Amino acid sequence: MDDIVRIAFLLDFYGNLLTEKQHLVLKLHFEEDLSLSEIASMMGVSRAAVHDALKRGQAQLEEYESKLGLVARFAEQSQRITELKRLLAEAAALAEQVRA
């Protein structure tokens, strides 16, 4: 899974568990694609403060995932659903051939 996509999933699942500042910084950086300087200017803080909040927030998200595994479980279930849809389409095609 791409790092940005992974962070987006982690934010969706665990974002509300972060501090308000960490959540905002991660959303602005990963979802709105703003630079650290742009975020710092918007929030009235230093670029270093944004960098620290970003790193701490990412670490916290990874910690939640390592303990709870919700994103991994979601990805696994999505793969299973895709495979089931493929199998159902094959079965429907076979049934159509038998009827013909």
C-alpha atoms as a PDB file:
ATOM      1  CA  MET A   1       0.000   0.000   0.000  1.00  0.00           C
ATOM      2  CA  ASP A   2       1.293   3.452  -0.927  1.00  0.00           C
ATOM      3  CA  ASP A   3       2.474   5.494   2.090  1.00  0.00           C
ATOM      4  CA  ILE A   4       0.083   8.383   1.448  1.00  0.00           C
ATOM      5  CA  VAL A   5      -2.855   6.012   1.002  1.00  0.00           C
ATOM      6  CA  ARG A   6      -1.824   4.168   4.165  1.00  0.00           C
ATOM      7  CA  ILE A   7      -1.711   7.410   6.169  1.00  0.00           C
ATOM      8  CA  ALA A   8      -5.119   8.388   4.736  1.00  0.00           C
ATOM      9  CA  PHE A   9      -6.580   5.067   5.913  1.00  0.00           C
ATOM     10  CA  LEU A  10      -4.914   5.413   9.305  1.00  0.00           C
ATOM     11  CA  LEU A  11      -6.370   8.917   9.626  1.00  0.00           C
ATOM     12  CA  ASP A  12      -9.824   7.647   8.701  1.00  0.00           C
ATOM     13  CA  PHE A  13      -9.687   4.895  11.283  1.00  0.00           C
ATOM     14  CA  TYR A  14      -7.760   6.536  14.128  1.00  0.00           C
ATOM     15  CA  GLY A  15      -7.618  10.278  13.407  1.00  0.00           C
ATOM     16  CA  ASN A  16     -10.088  11.200  16.121  1.00  0.00           C
ATOM     17  CA  LEU A  17      -7.785   9.608  18.699  1.00  0.00           C
ATOM     18  CA  LEU A  18      -5.019  12.124  17.951  1.00  0.00           C
ATOM     19  CA  THR A  19      -4.711  15.541  19.494  1.00  0.00           C
ATOM     20  CA  GLU A  20      -6.618  18.216  17.610  1.00  0.00           C
ATOM     21  CA  LYS A  21      -3.346  19.781  16.410  1.00  0.00           C
ATOM     22  CA  GLN A  22      -1.866  16.483  15.203  1.00  0.00           C
ATOM     23  CA  HIS A  23      -5.075  15.584  13.398  1.00  0.00           C
ATOM     24  CA  LEU A  24      -5.228  18.970  11.675  1.00  0.00           C
ATOM     25  CA  VAL A  25      -1.558  18.883  10.655  1.00  0.00           C
ATOM     26  CA  LEU A  26      -1.853  15.363   9.220  1.00  0.00           C
ATOM     27  CA  LYS A  27      -5.049  16.208   7.328  1.00  0.00           C
ATOM     28  CA  LEU A  28      -3.581  19.386   5.878  1.00  0.00           C
ATOM     29  CA  HIS A  29      -0.365  17.686   4.861  1.00  0.00           C
ATOM     30  CA  PHE A  30      -1.655  14.375   3.510  1.00  0.00           C
ATOM     31  CA  GLU A  31      -5.190  15.171   2.370  1.00  0.00           C
ATOM     32  CA  GLU A  32      -4.805  18.796   1.293  1.00  0.00           C
ATOM     33  CA  ASP A  33      -1.171  18.322   0.142  1.00  0.00           C
ATOM     34  CA  LEU A  34       0.054  21.448   1.924  1.00  0.00           C
ATOM     35  CA  SER A  35       3.747  21.903   2.670  1.00  0.00           C
ATOM     36  CA  LEU A  36       5.056  22.205   6.208  1.00  0.00           C
ATOM     37  CA  SER A  37       5.728  25.902   5.607  1.00  0.00           C
ATOM     38  CA  GLU A  38       2.171  26.491   4.394  1.00  0.00           C
ATOM     39  CA  ILE A  39       0.733  24.712   7.428  1.00  0.00           C
ATOM     40  CA  ALA A  40       3.047  26.611   9.778  1.00  0.00           C
ATOM     41  CA  SER A  41       1.930  29.910   8.272  1.00  0.00           C
ATOM     42  CA  MET A  42      -1.762  28.976   8.568  1.00  0.00           C
ATOM     43  CA  MET A  43      -1.400  27.854  12.175  1.00  0.00           C
ATOM     44  CA  GLY A  44       0.940  30.623  13.282  1.00  0.00           C
ATOM     45  CA  VAL A  45       3.650  28.232  14.442  1.00  0.00           C
ATOM     46  CA  SER A  46       7.147  27.336  13.284  1.00  0.00           C
ATOM     47  CA  ARG A  47       7.860  24.856  10.532  1.00  0.00           C
ATOM     48  CA  ALA A  48       9.692  22.749  13.138  1.00  0.00           C
ATOM     49  CA  ALA A  49       6.553  22.630  15.299  1.00  0.00           C
ATOM     50  CA  VAL A  50       4.552  21.382  12.318  1.00  0.00           C
ATOM     51  CA  HIS A  51       7.234  18.798  11.544  1.00  0.00           C
ATOM     52  CA  ASP A  52       7.188  17.569  15.155  1.00  0.00           C
ATOM     53  CA  ALA A  53       3.378  17.347  15.214  1.00  0.00           C
ATOM     54  CA  LEU A  54       3.447  15.491  11.905  1.00  0.00           C
ATOM     55  CA  LYS A  55       6.012  12.948  13.083  1.00  0.00           C
ATOM     56  CA  ARG A  56       4.341  12.418  16.465  1.00  0.00           C
ATOM     57  CA  GLY A  57       0.943  12.050  14.824  1.00  0.00           C
ATOM     58  CA  GLN A  58       2.214   9.502  12.310  1.00  0.00           C
ATOM     59  CA  ALA A  59       3.939   7.536  15.058  1.00  0.00           C
ATOM     60  CA  GLN A  60       0.753   7.548  17.119  1.00  0.00           C
ATOM     61  CA  LEU A  61      -1.315   6.322  14.151  1.00  0.00           C
ATOM     62  CA  GLU A  62       1.158   3.505  13.523  1.00  0.00           C
ATOM     63  CA  GLU A  63       1.041   2.563  17.199  1.00  0.00           C
ATOM     64  CA  TYR A  64      -2.758   2.372  17.134  1.00  0.00           C
ATOM     65  CA  GLU A  65      -2.607   0.209  14.012  1.00  0.00           C
ATOM     66  CA  SER A  66       0.002  -2.117  15.508  1.00  0.00           C
ATOM     67  CA  LYS A  67      -2.227  -2.659  18.531  1.00  0.00           C
ATOM     68  CA  LEU A  68      -5.647  -2.762  16.869  1.00  0.00           C
ATOM     69  CA  GLY A  69      -4.965  -3.755  13.265  1.00  0.00           C
ATOM     70  CA  LEU A  70      -8.157  -2.251  11.880  1.00  0.00           C
ATOM     71  CA  VAL A  71      -6.625  -1.017   8.619  1.00  0.00           C
ATOM     72  CA  ALA A  72      -4.978  -4.379   7.935  1.00  0.00           C
ATOM     73  CA  ARG A  73      -8.264  -6.159   8.643  1.00  0.00           C
ATOM     74  CA  PHE A  74     -10.111  -3.749   6.361  1.00  0.00           C
ATOM     75  CA  ALA A  75      -7.594  -4.322   3.537  1.00  0.00           C
ATOM     76  CA  GLU A  76      -7.872  -8.093   3.949  1.00  0.00           C
ATOM     77  CA  GLN A  77     -11.676  -7.974   3.881  1.00  0.00           C
ATOM     78  CA  SER A  78     -11.612  -5.740   0.806  1.00  0.00           C
ATOM     79  CA  GLN A  79      -9.416  -8.281  -0.989  1.00  0.00           C
ATOM     80  CA  ARG A  80     -11.759 -11.097  -0.018  1.00  0.00           C
ATOM     81  CA  ILE A  81     -14.775  -9.164  -1.279  1.00  0.00           C
ATOM     82  CA  THR A  82     -13.021  -8.481  -4.584  1.00  0.00           C
ATOM     83  CA  GLU A  83     -12.202 -12.177  -4.922  1.00  0.00           C
ATOM     84  CA  LEU A  84     -15.797 -13.157  -4.092  1.00  0.00           C
ATOM     85  CA  LYS A  85     -17.110 -10.752  -6.741  1.00  0.00           C
ATOM     86  CA  ARG A  86     -14.735 -12.296  -9.278  1.00  0.00           C
ATOM     87  CA  LEU A  87     -15.880 -15.814  -8.366  1.00  0.00           C
ATOM     88  CA  LEU A  88     -19.543 -14.819  -8.558  1.00  0.00           C
ATOM     89  CA  ALA A  89     -19.001 -13.308 -11.999  1.00  0.00           C
ATOM     90  CA  GLU A  90     -17.302 -16.534 -13.140  1.00  0.00           C
ATOM     91  CA  ALA A  91     -20.153 -18.617 -11.719  1.00  0.00           C
ATOM     92  CA  ALA A  92     -22.721 -16.426 -13.446  1.00  0.00           C
ATOM     93  CA  ALA A  93     -20.853 -16.774 -16.750  1.00  0.00           C
ATOM     94  CA  LEU A  94     -20.731 -20.555 -16.349  1.00  0.00           C
ATOM     95  CA  ALA A  95     -24.418 -20.688 -15.502  1.00  0.00           C
ATOM     96  CA  GLU A  96     -25.182 -18.624 -18.590  1.00  0.00           C
ATOM     97  CA  GLN A  97     -23.153 -21.030 -20.738  1.00  0.00           C
ATOM     98  CA  VAL A  98     -25.035 -24.020 -19.309  1.00  0.00           C
ATOM     99  CA  ARG A  99     -28.400 -22.346 -20.054  1.00  0.00           C
ATOM    100  CA  ALA A 100     -27.385 -21.572 -23.632  1.00  0.00           C
END
